[in-house]
Amino acid sequence: MLGFLLWLVLLFLCWPLALLALVLYPLAWLLLLPFRLIGIGVEGVFELLRAIVLLPARVLRGSLR
């Protein structure tokens, strides 16, 4: 909501810049999408490695009852 209000202020003060931002935002989002997907994959690999490293401790600890 705050971003929309800031965009409205920009539209009021400098409408060509606001329209340019409106056009370029989806393009920037599309360009950054592969990096987000790579980040999700890397995070998954790190979580898998963490689970593998911590598995012996969880097995030796047993149940929490």
PDB file of N, CA and C in Angstrom:
ATOM      1  N   MET A   1       0.826  -1.190   0.000  1.00  0.00           N
ATOM      2  CA  MET A   1       0.000   0.000   0.000  1.00  0.00           C
ATOM      3  C   MET A   1       0.873   1.258   0.000  1.00  0.00           C
ATOM      4  N   LEU A   2       1.939   1.210   0.795  1.00  0.00           N
ATOM      5  CA  LEU A   2       2.830   2.366   0.857  1.00  0.00           C
ATOM      6  C   LEU A   2       3.509   2.596  -0.491  1.00  0.00           C
ATOM      7  N   GLY A   3       3.881   1.502  -1.145  1.00  0.00           N
ATOM      8  CA  GLY A   3       4.509   1.638  -2.465  1.00  0.00           C
ATOM      9  C   GLY A   3       3.574   2.288  -3.468  1.00  0.00           C
ATOM     10  N   PHE A   4       2.303   1.921  -3.401  1.00  0.00           N
ATOM     11  CA  PHE A   4       1.319   2.524  -4.309  1.00  0.00           C
ATOM     12  C   PHE A   4       1.155   4.012  -4.029  1.00  0.00           C
ATOM     13  N   LEU A   5       1.124   4.381  -2.753  1.00  0.00           N
ATOM     14  CA  LEU A   5       0.995   5.804  -2.407  1.00  0.00           C
ATOM     15  C   LEU A   5       2.218   6.595  -2.865  1.00  0.00           C
ATOM     16  N   LEU A   6       3.398   6.011  -2.714  1.00  0.00           N
ATOM     17  CA  LEU A   6       4.608   6.685  -3.197  1.00  0.00           C
ATOM     18  C   LEU A   6       4.577   6.836  -4.715  1.00  0.00           C
ATOM     19  N   TRP A   7       4.052   5.799  -5.394  1.00  0.00           N
ATOM     20  CA  TRP A   7       3.948   5.899  -6.840  1.00  0.00           C
ATOM     21  C   TRP A   7       2.964   6.997  -7.242  1.00  0.00           C
ATOM     22  N   LEU A   8       1.869   7.152  -6.501  1.00  0.00           N
ATOM     23  CA  LEU A   8       0.918   8.223  -6.799  1.00  0.00           C
ATOM     24  C   LEU A   8       1.544   9.599  -6.601  1.00  0.00           C
ATOM     25  N   VAL A   9       2.366   9.738  -5.568  1.00  0.00           N
ATOM     26  CA  VAL A   9       3.062  11.012  -5.353  1.00  0.00           C
ATOM     27  C   VAL A   9       4.024  11.269  -6.506  1.00  0.00           C
ATOM     28  N   LEU A  10       4.741  10.224  -6.930  1.00  0.00           N
ATOM     29  CA  LEU A  10       5.643  10.379  -8.065  1.00  0.00           C
ATOM     30  C   LEU A  10       4.862  10.714  -9.331  1.00  0.00           C
ATOM     31  N   LEU A  11       3.691  10.106  -9.503  1.00  0.00           N
ATOM     32  CA  LEU A  11       2.856  10.409 -10.661  1.00  0.00           C
ATOM     33  C   LEU A  11       2.421  11.871 -10.647  1.00  0.00           C
ATOM     34  N   PHE A  12       2.111  12.377  -9.485  1.00  0.00           N
ATOM     35  CA  PHE A  12       1.686  13.779  -9.371  1.00  0.00           C
ATOM     36  C   PHE A  12       2.856  14.730  -9.627  1.00  0.00           C
ATOM     37  N   LEU A  13       4.042  14.385  -9.113  1.00  0.00           N
ATOM     38  CA  LEU A  13       5.188  15.291  -9.235  1.00  0.00           C
ATOM     39  C   LEU A  13       5.876  15.188 -10.594  1.00  0.00           C
ATOM     40  N   CYS A  14       6.039  13.970 -11.081  1.00  0.00           N
ATOM     41  CA  CYS A  14       6.782  13.785 -12.328  1.00  0.00           C
ATOM     42  C   CYS A  14       6.183  12.589 -13.071  1.00  0.00           C
ATOM     43  N   TRP A  15       5.126  12.828 -13.847  1.00  0.00           N
ATOM     44  CA  TRP A  15       4.393  11.726 -14.460  1.00  0.00           C
ATOM     45  C   TRP A  15       5.203  10.925 -15.474  1.00  0.00           C
ATOM     46  N   PRO A  16       6.153  11.517 -16.243  1.00  0.00           N
ATOM     47  CA  PRO A  16       6.907  10.651 -17.162  1.00  0.00           C
ATOM     48  C   PRO A  16       7.769   9.617 -16.421  1.00  0.00           C
ATOM     49  N   LEU A  17       8.365  10.031 -15.315  1.00  0.00           N
ATOM     50  CA  LEU A  17       9.179   9.100 -14.540  1.00  0.00           C
ATOM     51  C   LEU A  17       8.313   8.002 -13.918  1.00  0.00           C
ATOM     52  N   ALA A  18       7.126   8.355 -13.474  1.00  0.00           N
ATOM     53  CA  ALA A  18       6.210   7.373 -12.893  1.00  0.00           C
ATOM     54  C   ALA A  18       5.772   6.351 -13.942  1.00  0.00           C
ATOM     55  N   LEU A  19       5.481   6.804 -15.137  1.00  0.00           N
ATOM     56  CA  LEU A  19       5.090   5.880 -16.200  1.00  0.00           C
ATOM     57  C   LEU A  19       6.249   4.998 -16.627  1.00  0.00           C
ATOM     58  N   LEU A  20       7.450   5.554 -16.642  1.00  0.00           N
ATOM     59  CA  LEU A  20       8.633   4.762 -16.958  1.00  0.00           C
ATOM     60  C   LEU A  20       8.856   3.680 -15.898  1.00  0.00           C
ATOM     61  N   ALA A  21       8.668   4.033 -14.649  1.00  0.00           N
ATOM     62  CA  ALA A  21       8.796   3.049 -13.574  1.00  0.00           C
ATOM     63  C   ALA A  21       7.729   1.972 -13.696  1.00  0.00           C
ATOM     64  N   LEU A  22       6.536   2.355 -14.095  1.00  0.00           N
ATOM     65  CA  LEU A  22       5.443   1.403 -14.270  1.00  0.00           C
ATOM     66  C   LEU A  22       5.748   0.406 -15.376  1.00  0.00           C
ATOM     67  N   VAL A  23       6.450   0.851 -16.416  1.00  0.00           N
ATOM     68  CA  VAL A  23       6.798  -0.033 -17.532  1.00  0.00           C
ATOM     69  C   VAL A  23       8.021  -0.884 -17.196  1.00  0.00           C
ATOM     70  N   LEU A  24       9.005  -0.305 -16.517  1.00  0.00           N
ATOM     71  CA  LEU A  24      10.256  -1.018 -16.270  1.00  0.00           C
ATOM     72  C   LEU A  24      10.187  -1.994 -15.101  1.00  0.00           C
ATOM     73  N   TYR A  25       9.247  -1.829 -14.185  1.00  0.00           N
ATOM     74  CA  TYR A  25       9.170  -2.725 -13.027  1.00  0.00           C
ATOM     75  C   TYR A  25       8.936  -4.179 -13.427  1.00  0.00           C
ATOM     76  N   PRO A  26       7.979  -4.473 -14.319  1.00  0.00           N
ATOM     77  CA  PRO A  26       7.813  -5.885 -14.714  1.00  0.00           C
ATOM     78  C   PRO A  26       9.027  -6.441 -15.446  1.00  0.00           C
ATOM     79  N   LEU A  27       9.705  -5.606 -16.222  1.00  0.00           N
ATOM     80  CA  LEU A  27      10.904  -6.074 -16.915  1.00  0.00           C
ATOM     81  C   LEU A  27      12.017  -6.408 -15.924  1.00  0.00           C
ATOM     82  N   ALA A  28      12.192  -5.584 -14.919  1.00  0.00           N
ATOM     83  CA  ALA A  28      13.198  -5.865 -13.894  1.00  0.00           C
ATOM     84  C   ALA A  28      12.831  -7.128 -13.124  1.00  0.00           C
ATOM     85  N   TRP A  29      11.541  -7.329 -12.859  1.00  0.00           N
ATOM     86  CA  TRP A  29      11.097  -8.529 -12.151  1.00  0.00           C
ATOM     87  C   TRP A  29      11.407  -9.773 -12.971  1.00  0.00           C
ATOM     88  N   LEU A  30      11.188  -9.712 -14.281  1.00  0.00           N
ATOM     89  CA  LEU A  30      11.494 -10.853 -15.145  1.00  0.00           C
ATOM     90  C   LEU A  30      12.994 -11.122 -15.224  1.00  0.00           C
ATOM     91  N   LEU A  31      13.801 -10.065 -15.229  1.00  0.00           N
ATOM     92  CA  LEU A  31      15.249 -10.253 -15.281  1.00  0.00           C
ATOM     93  C   LEU A  31      15.794 -10.849 -13.989  1.00  0.00           C
ATOM     94  N   LEU A  32      15.186 -10.527 -12.852  1.00  0.00           N
ATOM     95  CA  LEU A  32      15.664 -11.022 -11.569  1.00  0.00           C
ATOM     96  C   LEU A  32      15.088 -12.381 -11.188  1.00  0.00           C
ATOM     97  N   LEU A  33      14.090 -12.858 -11.925  1.00  0.00           N
ATOM     98  CA  LEU A  33      13.450 -14.130 -11.605  1.00  0.00           C
ATOM     99  C   LEU A  33      14.417 -15.320 -11.603  1.00  0.00           C
ATOM    100  N   PRO A  34      15.334 -15.457 -12.573  1.00  0.00           N
ATOM    101  CA  PRO A  34      16.268 -16.589 -12.507  1.00  0.00           C
ATOM    102  C   PRO A  34      17.142 -16.572 -11.257  1.00  0.00           C
ATOM    103  N   PHE A  35      17.526 -15.410 -10.790  1.00  0.00           N
ATOM    104  CA  PHE A  35      18.350 -15.333  -9.587  1.00  0.00           C
ATOM    105  C   PHE A  35      17.557 -15.762  -8.361  1.00  0.00           C
ATOM    106  N   ARG A  36      16.267 -15.450  -8.326  1.00  0.00           N
ATOM    107  CA  ARG A  36      15.419 -15.906  -7.223  1.00  0.00           C
ATOM    108  C   ARG A  36      15.294 -17.422  -7.241  1.00  0.00           C
ATOM    109  N   LEU A  37      15.126 -17.993  -8.434  1.00  0.00           N
ATOM    110  CA  LEU A  37      15.020 -19.448  -8.537  1.00  0.00           C
ATOM    111  C   LEU A  37      16.320 -20.131  -8.119  1.00  0.00           C
ATOM    112  N   ILE A  38      17.447 -19.562  -8.499  1.00  0.00           N
ATOM    113  CA  ILE A  38      18.743 -20.105  -8.069  1.00  0.00           C
ATOM    114  C   ILE A  38      18.862 -20.002  -6.557  1.00  0.00           C
ATOM    115  N   GLY A  39      18.418 -18.910  -5.982  1.00  0.00           N
ATOM    116  CA  GLY A  39      18.454 -18.749  -4.528  1.00  0.00           C
ATOM    117  C   GLY A  39      17.609 -19.783  -3.814  1.00  0.00           C
ATOM    118  N   ILE A  40      16.437 -20.094  -4.357  1.00  0.00           N
ATOM    119  CA  ILE A  40      15.586 -21.124  -3.760  1.00  0.00           C
ATOM    120  C   ILE A  40      16.293 -22.469  -3.817  1.00  0.00           C
ATOM    121  N   GLY A  41      16.924 -22.773  -4.935  1.00  0.00           N
ATOM    122  CA  GLY A  41      17.652 -24.042  -5.077  1.00  0.00           C
ATOM    123  C   GLY A  41      18.830 -24.142  -4.125  1.00  0.00           C
ATOM    124  N   VAL A  42      19.594 -23.079  -4.005  1.00  0.00           N
ATOM    125  CA  VAL A  42      20.751 -23.084  -3.097  1.00  0.00           C
ATOM    126  C   VAL A  42      20.283 -23.222  -1.652  1.00  0.00           C
ATOM    127  N   GLU A  43      19.207 -22.552  -1.293  1.00  0.00           N
ATOM    128  CA  GLU A  43      18.670 -22.676   0.061  1.00  0.00           C
ATOM    129  C   GLU A  43      18.234 -24.109   0.341  1.00  0.00           C
ATOM    130  N   GLY A  44      17.636 -24.764  -0.642  1.00  0.00           N
ATOM    131  CA  GLY A  44      17.238 -26.159  -0.480  1.00  0.00           C
ATOM    132  C   GLY A  44      18.429 -27.076  -0.286  1.00  0.00           C
ATOM    133  N   VAL A  45      19.502 -26.834  -1.023  1.00  0.00           N
ATOM    134  CA  VAL A  45      20.715 -27.650  -0.869  1.00  0.00           C
ATOM    135  C   VAL A  45      21.311 -27.461   0.520  1.00  0.00           C
ATOM    136  N   PHE A  46      21.355 -26.241   1.001  1.00  0.00           N
ATOM    137  CA  PHE A  46      21.891 -25.995   2.344  1.00  0.00           C
ATOM    138  C   PHE A  46      21.030 -26.633   3.424  1.00  0.00           C
ATOM    139  N   GLU A  47      19.709 -26.615   3.256  1.00  0.00           N
ATOM    140  CA  GLU A  47      18.831 -27.270   4.227  1.00  0.00           C
ATOM    141  C   GLU A  47      19.045 -28.778   4.206  1.00  0.00           C
ATOM    142  N   LEU A  48      19.258 -29.354   3.026  1.00  0.00           N
ATOM    143  CA  LEU A  48      19.533 -30.782   2.933  1.00  0.00           C
ATOM    144  C   LEU A  48      20.844 -31.132   3.625  1.00  0.00           C
ATOM    145  N   LEU A  49      21.885 -30.348   3.384  1.00  0.00           N
ATOM    146  CA  LEU A  49      23.171 -30.589   4.047  1.00  0.00           C
ATOM    147  C   LEU A  49      23.044 -30.447   5.561  1.00  0.00           C
ATOM    148  N   ARG A  50      22.287 -29.486   6.014  1.00  0.00           N
ATOM    149  CA  ARG A  50      22.079 -29.300   7.454  1.00  0.00           C
ATOM    150  C   ARG A  50      21.362 -30.509   8.045  1.00  0.00           C
ATOM    151  N   ALA A  51      20.364 -31.012   7.334  1.00  0.00           N
ATOM    152  CA  ALA A  51      19.633 -32.183   7.824  1.00  0.00           C
ATOM    153  C   ALA A  51      20.531 -33.409   7.866  1.00  0.00           C
ATOM    154  N   ILE A  52      21.399 -33.558   6.870  1.00  0.00           N
ATOM    155  CA  ILE A  52      22.312 -34.705   6.853  1.00  0.00           C
ATOM    156  C   ILE A  52      23.317 -34.614   7.997  1.00  0.00           C
ATOM    157  N   VAL A  53      23.844 -33.434   8.251  1.00  0.00           N
ATOM    158  CA  VAL A  53      24.828 -33.259   9.317  1.00  0.00           C
ATOM    159  C   VAL A  53      24.196 -33.466  10.691  1.00  0.00           C
ATOM    160  N   LEU A  54      22.970 -33.007  10.878  1.00  0.00           N
ATOM    161  CA  LEU A  54      22.320 -33.104  12.186  1.00  0.00           C
ATOM    162  C   LEU A  54      21.589 -34.427  12.408  1.00  0.00           C
ATOM    163  N   LEU A  55      21.516 -35.291  11.392  1.00  0.00           N
ATOM    164  CA  LEU A  55      20.797 -36.546  11.537  1.00  0.00           C
ATOM    165  C   LEU A  55      21.366 -37.453  12.626  1.00  0.00           C
ATOM    166  N   PRO A  56      22.695 -37.641  12.727  1.00  0.00           N
ATOM    167  CA  PRO A  56      23.204 -38.523  13.804  1.00  0.00           C
ATOM    168  C   PRO A  56      22.820 -38.032  15.196  1.00  0.00           C
ATOM    169  N   ALA A  57      22.834 -36.751  15.418  1.00  0.00           N
ATOM    170  CA  ALA A  57      22.477 -36.216  16.734  1.00  0.00           C
ATOM    171  C   ALA A  57      20.993 -36.476  17.022  1.00  0.00           C
ATOM    172  N   ARG A  58      20.150 -36.354  16.028  1.00  0.00           N
ATOM    173  CA  ARG A  58      18.718 -36.593  16.236  1.00  0.00           C
ATOM    174  C   ARG A  58      18.455 -38.075  16.488  1.00  0.00           C
ATOM    175  N   VAL A  59      19.213 -38.948  15.820  1.00  0.00           N
ATOM    176  CA  VAL A  59      19.016 -40.391  16.030  1.00  0.00           C
ATOM    177  C   VAL A  59      19.492 -40.786  17.417  1.00  0.00           C
ATOM    178  N   LEU A  60      20.638 -40.274  17.849  1.00  0.00           N
ATOM    179  CA  LEU A  60      21.182 -40.637  19.160  1.00  0.00           C
ATOM    180  C   LEU A  60      20.367 -40.044  20.307  1.00  0.00           C
ATOM    181  N   ARG A  61      19.745 -38.919  20.084  1.00  0.00           N
ATOM    182  CA  ARG A  61      18.957 -38.283  21.129  1.00  0.00           C
ATOM    183  C   ARG A  61      17.703 -39.093  21.438  1.00  0.00           C
ATOM    184  N   GLY A  62      17.129 -39.726  20.425  1.00  0.00           N
ATOM    185  CA  GLY A  62      15.940 -40.528  20.639  1.00  0.00           C
ATOM    186  C   GLY A  62      14.689 -39.691  20.716  1.00  0.00           C
ATOM    187  N   SER A  63      13.649 -40.257  21.287  1.00  0.00           N
ATOM    188  CA  SER A  63      12.393 -39.530  21.371  1.00  0.00           C
ATOM    189  C   SER A  63      12.431 -38.534  22.522  1.00  0.00           C
ATOM    190  N   LEU A  64      11.574 -37.561  22.458  1.00  0.00           N
ATOM    191  CA  LEU A  64      11.558 -36.505  23.475  1.00  0.00           C
ATOM    192  C   LEU A  64      10.548 -36.785  24.571  1.00  0.00           C
ATOM    193  N   ARG A  65       9.935 -37.959  24.607  1.00  0.00           N
ATOM    194  CA  ARG A  65       8.936 -38.291  25.643  1.00  0.00           C
ATOM    195  C   ARG A  65       9.546 -38.612  26.938  1.00  0.00           C
TER     196      ARG A  65
END
